[in-house]
Amino acid sequence: MLFWIGLALMLSVPLIGVFGALTFHVRVVRRYVPLLTRIFQEKPLFIVPRGQAGSDEERVTFGTPDGL
């Protein structure tokens, strides 16, 4: 009988740790996943246009003292 009590006490510590870790994981997922999905689904405030210049732009050059 003493063996089974010792075995139960030895196994209870890891089981409590696993249960605590799972509880923490579920709470974090429930709290932050909706926020993250909303952040990644929204469009950015400032969209930087990239690619070819439009037809109304003009090329500008700046001279440097060393001729570059």
C-alpha atoms as a PDB file:
ATOM      1  CA  MET A   1       0.000   0.000   0.000  1.00  0.00           C
ATOM      2  CA  LEU A   2       2.861   2.364   0.789  1.00  0.00           C
ATOM      3  CA  PHE A   3       4.293   1.770  -2.697  1.00  0.00           C
ATOM      4  CA  TRP A   4       1.087   2.951  -4.374  1.00  0.00           C
ATOM      5  CA  ILE A   5       0.883   6.072  -2.218  1.00  0.00           C
ATOM      6  CA  GLY A   6       4.491   6.938  -3.099  1.00  0.00           C
ATOM      7  CA  LEU A   7       3.843   6.285  -6.770  1.00  0.00           C
ATOM      8  CA  ALA A   8       0.738   8.481  -6.710  1.00  0.00           C
ATOM      9  CA  LEU A   9       2.668  11.303  -5.024  1.00  0.00           C
ATOM     10  CA  MET A  10       5.518  11.011  -7.552  1.00  0.00           C
ATOM     11  CA  LEU A  11       3.158  11.135 -10.518  1.00  0.00           C
ATOM     12  CA  SER A  12       0.984  13.914  -9.121  1.00  0.00           C
ATOM     13  CA  VAL A  13       3.719  16.562  -9.361  1.00  0.00           C
ATOM     14  CA  PRO A  14       4.298  16.165 -13.133  1.00  0.00           C
ATOM     15  CA  LEU A  15       0.559  15.893 -13.753  1.00  0.00           C
ATOM     16  CA  ILE A  16      -0.047  19.136 -11.876  1.00  0.00           C
ATOM     17  CA  GLY A  17       2.696  20.783 -13.949  1.00  0.00           C
ATOM     18  CA  VAL A  18       1.228  19.533 -17.214  1.00  0.00           C
ATOM     19  CA  PHE A  19      -2.254  20.644 -16.177  1.00  0.00           C
ATOM     20  CA  GLY A  20      -0.916  24.099 -15.239  1.00  0.00           C
ATOM     21  CA  ALA A  21       0.936  24.455 -18.539  1.00  0.00           C
ATOM     22  CA  LEU A  22      -2.148  23.431 -20.526  1.00  0.00           C
ATOM     23  CA  THR A  23      -4.320  25.843 -18.580  1.00  0.00           C
ATOM     24  CA  PHE A  24      -1.838  28.658 -19.236  1.00  0.00           C
ATOM     25  CA  HIS A  25      -1.694  27.794 -22.949  1.00  0.00           C
ATOM     26  CA  VAL A  26      -5.488  27.789 -23.298  1.00  0.00           C
ATOM     27  CA  ARG A  27      -5.800  31.136 -21.490  1.00  0.00           C
ATOM     28  CA  VAL A  28      -3.119  32.761 -23.660  1.00  0.00           C
ATOM     29  CA  VAL A  29      -4.648  31.428 -26.883  1.00  0.00           C
ATOM     30  CA  ARG A  30      -8.139  32.582 -25.926  1.00  0.00           C
ATOM     31  CA  ARG A  31      -6.873  36.019 -24.953  1.00  0.00           C
ATOM     32  CA  TYR A  32      -4.388  36.862 -27.710  1.00  0.00           C
ATOM     33  CA  VAL A  33      -5.260  34.903 -30.866  1.00  0.00           C
ATOM     34  CA  PRO A  34      -8.300  37.105 -31.665  1.00  0.00           C
ATOM     35  CA  LEU A  35      -6.109  40.203 -31.279  1.00  0.00           C
ATOM     36  CA  LEU A  36      -3.411  38.803 -33.541  1.00  0.00           C
ATOM     37  CA  THR A  37      -5.865  37.756 -36.226  1.00  0.00           C
ATOM     38  CA  ARG A  38      -7.435  41.213 -36.197  1.00  0.00           C
ATOM     39  CA  ILE A  39      -4.016  42.882 -36.484  1.00  0.00           C
ATOM     40  CA  PHE A  40      -3.009  40.751 -39.479  1.00  0.00           C
ATOM     41  CA  GLN A  41      -6.367  41.138 -41.234  1.00  0.00           C
ATOM     42  CA  GLU A  42      -6.463  44.943 -41.084  1.00  0.00           C
ATOM     43  CA  LYS A  43      -4.935  46.969 -43.881  1.00  0.00           C
ATOM     44  CA  PRO A  44      -1.900  49.081 -42.975  1.00  0.00           C
ATOM     45  CA  LEU A  45      -2.435  52.798 -42.392  1.00  0.00           C
ATOM     46  CA  PHE A  46       0.258  53.875 -44.845  1.00  0.00           C
ATOM     47  CA  ILE A  47       0.841  51.900 -48.014  1.00  0.00           C
ATOM     48  CA  VAL A  48       4.133  52.723 -49.706  1.00  0.00           C
ATOM     49  CA  PRO A  49       3.798  52.476 -53.480  1.00  0.00           C
ATOM     50  CA  ARG A  50       6.589  50.441 -55.049  1.00  0.00           C
ATOM     51  CA  GLY A  51       7.406  49.656 -58.627  1.00  0.00           C
ATOM     52  CA  GLN A  52       7.597  51.741 -61.781  1.00  0.00           C
ATOM     53  CA  ALA A  53       7.411  55.527 -61.700  1.00  0.00           C
ATOM     54  CA  GLY A  54       4.269  57.114 -63.045  1.00  0.00           C
ATOM     55  CA  SER A  55       4.086  59.163 -66.231  1.00  0.00           C
ATOM     56  CA  ASP A  56       3.904  62.525 -64.434  1.00  0.00           C
ATOM     57  CA  GLU A  57       7.184  62.100 -62.485  1.00  0.00           C
ATOM     58  CA  GLU A  58      10.478  63.536 -63.654  1.00  0.00           C
ATOM     59  CA  ARG A  59      13.998  62.243 -63.052  1.00  0.00           C
ATOM     60  CA  VAL A  60      16.066  64.333 -60.613  1.00  0.00           C
ATOM     61  CA  THR A  61      19.819  64.125 -60.116  1.00  0.00           C
ATOM     62  CA  PHE A  62      21.987  65.717 -57.449  1.00  0.00           C
ATOM     63  CA  GLY A  63      25.633  66.505 -58.064  1.00  0.00           C
ATOM     64  CA  THR A  64      28.206  65.761 -55.362  1.00  0.00           C
ATOM     65  CA  PRO A  65      31.662  67.312 -54.887  1.00  0.00           C
ATOM     66  CA  ASP A  66      33.415  64.085 -55.910  1.00  0.00           C
ATOM     67  CA  GLY A  67      31.330  63.699 -59.070  1.00  0.00           C
ATOM     68  CA  LEU A  68      29.176  60.716 -58.084  1.00  0.00           C
END
